[in-house]
């Protein structure tokens, strides 16, 4: 029983997946914060570009 517990804690095969999930969540939070903070200026810039482009 104790050997299987030791093997469980020593197994790092799922660790990479967890690291990618945490990194993805942090990037998502950063993007949301950036758009929340810069939302008005980004929307204004998009409207300017929309007015310049034909069609």
N, C-alpha and C. Protein backbone atom coordinates (compact mmCIF):
# COMPACT_ATOMS: atom_id res chain seq x y z
N UNK A 1 0.82 -1.20 0.00
CA UNK A 1 0.00 0.00 0.00
C UNK A 1 0.86 1.26 0.00
N UNK A 2 1.88 1.29 0.85
CA UNK A 2 2.74 2.47 0.91
C UNK A 2 3.54 2.64 -0.37
N UNK A 3 3.90 1.53 -1.02
CA UNK A 3 4.62 1.65 -2.29
C UNK A 3 3.77 2.33 -3.35
N UNK A 4 2.50 1.98 -3.40
CA UNK A 4 1.63 2.62 -4.40
C UNK A 4 1.43 4.10 -4.09
N UNK A 5 1.42 4.48 -2.83
CA UNK A 5 1.32 5.90 -2.47
C UNK A 5 2.59 6.63 -2.89
N UNK A 6 3.74 6.02 -2.64
CA UNK A 6 5.01 6.63 -3.05
C UNK A 6 5.07 6.79 -4.58
N UNK A 7 4.63 5.74 -5.30
CA UNK A 7 4.63 5.81 -6.76
C UNK A 7 3.68 6.91 -7.25
N UNK A 8 2.55 7.06 -6.60
CA UNK A 8 1.59 8.10 -6.99
C UNK A 8 2.20 9.49 -6.86
N UNK A 9 2.86 9.76 -5.76
CA UNK A 9 3.46 11.08 -5.54
C UNK A 9 4.72 11.29 -6.38
N UNK A 10 5.40 10.22 -6.75
CA UNK A 10 6.61 10.33 -7.56
C UNK A 10 6.29 10.46 -9.05
N UNK A 11 5.08 10.07 -9.46
CA UNK A 11 4.70 10.12 -10.88
C UNK A 11 4.48 11.56 -11.31
N UNK A 12 5.22 11.99 -12.32
CA UNK A 12 5.12 13.37 -12.80
C UNK A 12 4.55 13.45 -14.21
N UNK A 13 3.92 12.38 -14.68
CA UNK A 13 3.44 12.38 -16.06
C UNK A 13 2.29 13.36 -16.28
N UNK A 14 1.46 13.60 -15.28
CA UNK A 14 0.37 14.54 -15.43
C UNK A 14 0.74 15.97 -15.08
N UNK A 15 1.94 16.17 -14.63
CA UNK A 15 2.37 17.49 -14.18
C UNK A 15 2.43 18.49 -15.33
N UNK A 16 2.87 18.06 -16.49
CA UNK A 16 2.96 18.96 -17.64
C UNK A 16 1.59 19.48 -18.03
N UNK A 17 0.59 18.64 -18.00
CA UNK A 17 -0.77 19.06 -18.33
C UNK A 17 -1.26 20.11 -17.34
N UNK A 18 -0.98 19.92 -16.09
CA UNK A 18 -1.39 20.89 -15.08
C UNK A 18 -0.67 22.21 -15.29
N UNK A 19 0.61 22.15 -15.60
CA UNK A 19 1.38 23.37 -15.85
C UNK A 19 0.81 24.14 -17.04
N UNK A 20 0.47 23.43 -18.12
CA UNK A 20 -0.12 24.10 -19.28
C UNK A 20 -1.48 24.69 -18.94
N UNK A 21 -2.26 24.00 -18.14
CA UNK A 21 -3.57 24.53 -17.76
C UNK A 21 -3.43 25.80 -16.93
N UNK A 22 -2.49 25.80 -16.00
CA UNK A 22 -2.26 27.00 -15.18
C UNK A 22 -1.76 28.15 -16.05
N UNK A 23 -0.83 27.87 -16.96
CA UNK A 23 -0.31 28.91 -17.85
C UNK A 23 -1.41 29.46 -18.74
N UNK A 24 -2.26 28.59 -19.26
CA UNK A 24 -3.37 29.04 -20.10
C UNK A 24 -4.35 29.90 -19.33
N UNK A 25 -4.63 29.52 -18.10
CA UNK A 25 -5.54 30.31 -17.27
C UNK A 25 -4.94 31.69 -16.97
N UNK A 26 -3.66 31.74 -16.68
CA UNK A 26 -3.01 33.03 -16.41
C UNK A 26 -3.00 33.92 -17.65
N UNK A 27 -2.77 33.34 -18.81
CA UNK A 27 -2.81 34.12 -20.05
C UNK A 27 -4.21 34.63 -20.30
N UNK A 28 -5.21 33.80 -20.06
CA UNK A 28 -6.60 34.22 -20.22
C UNK A 28 -6.95 35.37 -19.30
N UNK A 29 -6.53 35.30 -18.06
CA UNK A 29 -6.79 36.39 -17.11
C UNK A 29 -6.08 37.67 -17.56
N UNK A 30 -4.85 37.54 -18.04
CA UNK A 30 -4.12 38.72 -18.51
C UNK A 30 -4.81 39.36 -19.70
N UNK A 31 -5.32 38.56 -20.62
CA UNK A 31 -6.03 39.10 -21.79
C UNK A 31 -7.30 39.80 -21.36
N UNK A 32 -8.05 39.20 -20.45
CA UNK A 32 -9.29 39.82 -19.97
C UNK A 32 -8.99 41.14 -19.27
N UNK A 33 -7.97 41.16 -18.43
CA UNK A 33 -7.60 42.40 -17.75
C UNK A 33 -7.14 43.47 -18.73
N UNK A 34 -6.39 43.07 -19.74
CA UNK A 34 -5.92 44.04 -20.74
C UNK A 34 -7.08 44.63 -21.51
N UNK A 35 -8.03 43.80 -21.92
CA UNK A 35 -9.18 44.32 -22.66
C UNK A 35 -10.09 45.14 -21.78
N UNK A 36 -10.19 44.80 -20.52
CA UNK A 36 -11.01 45.59 -19.61
C UNK A 36 -10.38 46.96 -19.39
N UNK A 37 -9.07 46.97 -19.21
CA UNK A 37 -8.37 48.23 -18.97
C UNK A 37 -8.30 49.09 -20.22
N UNK A 38 -8.00 48.48 -21.36
CA UNK A 38 -7.80 49.23 -22.59
C UNK A 38 -9.00 49.17 -23.52
N UNK A 39 -10.12 48.72 -23.03
CA UNK A 39 -11.30 48.50 -23.87
C UNK A 39 -11.74 49.71 -24.66
N UNK A 40 -11.81 50.87 -24.03
CA UNK A 40 -12.27 52.07 -24.71
C UNK A 40 -11.36 52.49 -25.84
N UNK A 41 -10.06 52.49 -25.59
CA UNK A 41 -9.13 52.91 -26.63
C UNK A 41 -9.05 51.89 -27.76
N UNK A 42 -9.17 50.61 -27.43
CA UNK A 42 -9.17 49.58 -28.47
C UNK A 42 -10.41 49.72 -29.33
N UNK A 43 -11.56 49.95 -28.71
CA UNK A 43 -12.80 50.11 -29.47
C UNK A 43 -12.72 51.34 -30.37
N UNK A 44 -12.14 52.42 -29.87
CA UNK A 44 -11.97 53.62 -30.68
C UNK A 44 -11.06 53.37 -31.88
N UNK A 45 -9.99 52.65 -31.66
CA UNK A 45 -9.05 52.33 -32.74
C UNK A 45 -9.72 51.44 -33.78
N UNK A 46 -10.49 50.48 -33.34
CA UNK A 46 -11.20 49.60 -34.27
C UNK A 46 -12.20 50.40 -35.10
N UNK A 47 -12.88 51.34 -34.49
CA UNK A 47 -13.83 52.18 -35.22
C UNK A 47 -13.11 53.04 -36.26
N UNK A 48 -11.95 53.56 -35.93
CA UNK A 48 -11.17 54.36 -36.89
C UNK A 48 -10.74 53.49 -38.07
N UNK A 49 -10.24 52.31 -37.78
CA UNK A 49 -9.82 51.39 -38.84
C UNK A 49 -11.02 50.99 -39.69
N UNK A 50 -12.16 50.76 -39.07
CA UNK A 50 -13.38 50.41 -39.79
C UNK A 50 -13.79 51.54 -40.74
N UNK A 51 -13.62 52.77 -40.31
CA UNK A 51 -13.97 53.90 -41.16
C UNK A 51 -13.02 54.07 -42.33
N UNK A 52 -11.77 53.66 -42.16
CA UNK A 52 -10.77 53.81 -43.21
C UNK A 52 -10.93 52.73 -44.29
N UNK A 53 -11.20 51.51 -43.87
CA UNK A 53 -11.27 50.40 -44.82
C UNK A 53 -12.55 50.47 -45.65
N UNK A 54 -12.44 50.23 -46.96
CA UNK A 54 -13.63 50.25 -47.80
C UNK A 54 -14.44 48.97 -47.64
N UNK A 55 -15.73 49.09 -47.89
CA UNK A 55 -16.59 47.92 -47.96
C UNK A 55 -17.22 47.58 -46.70
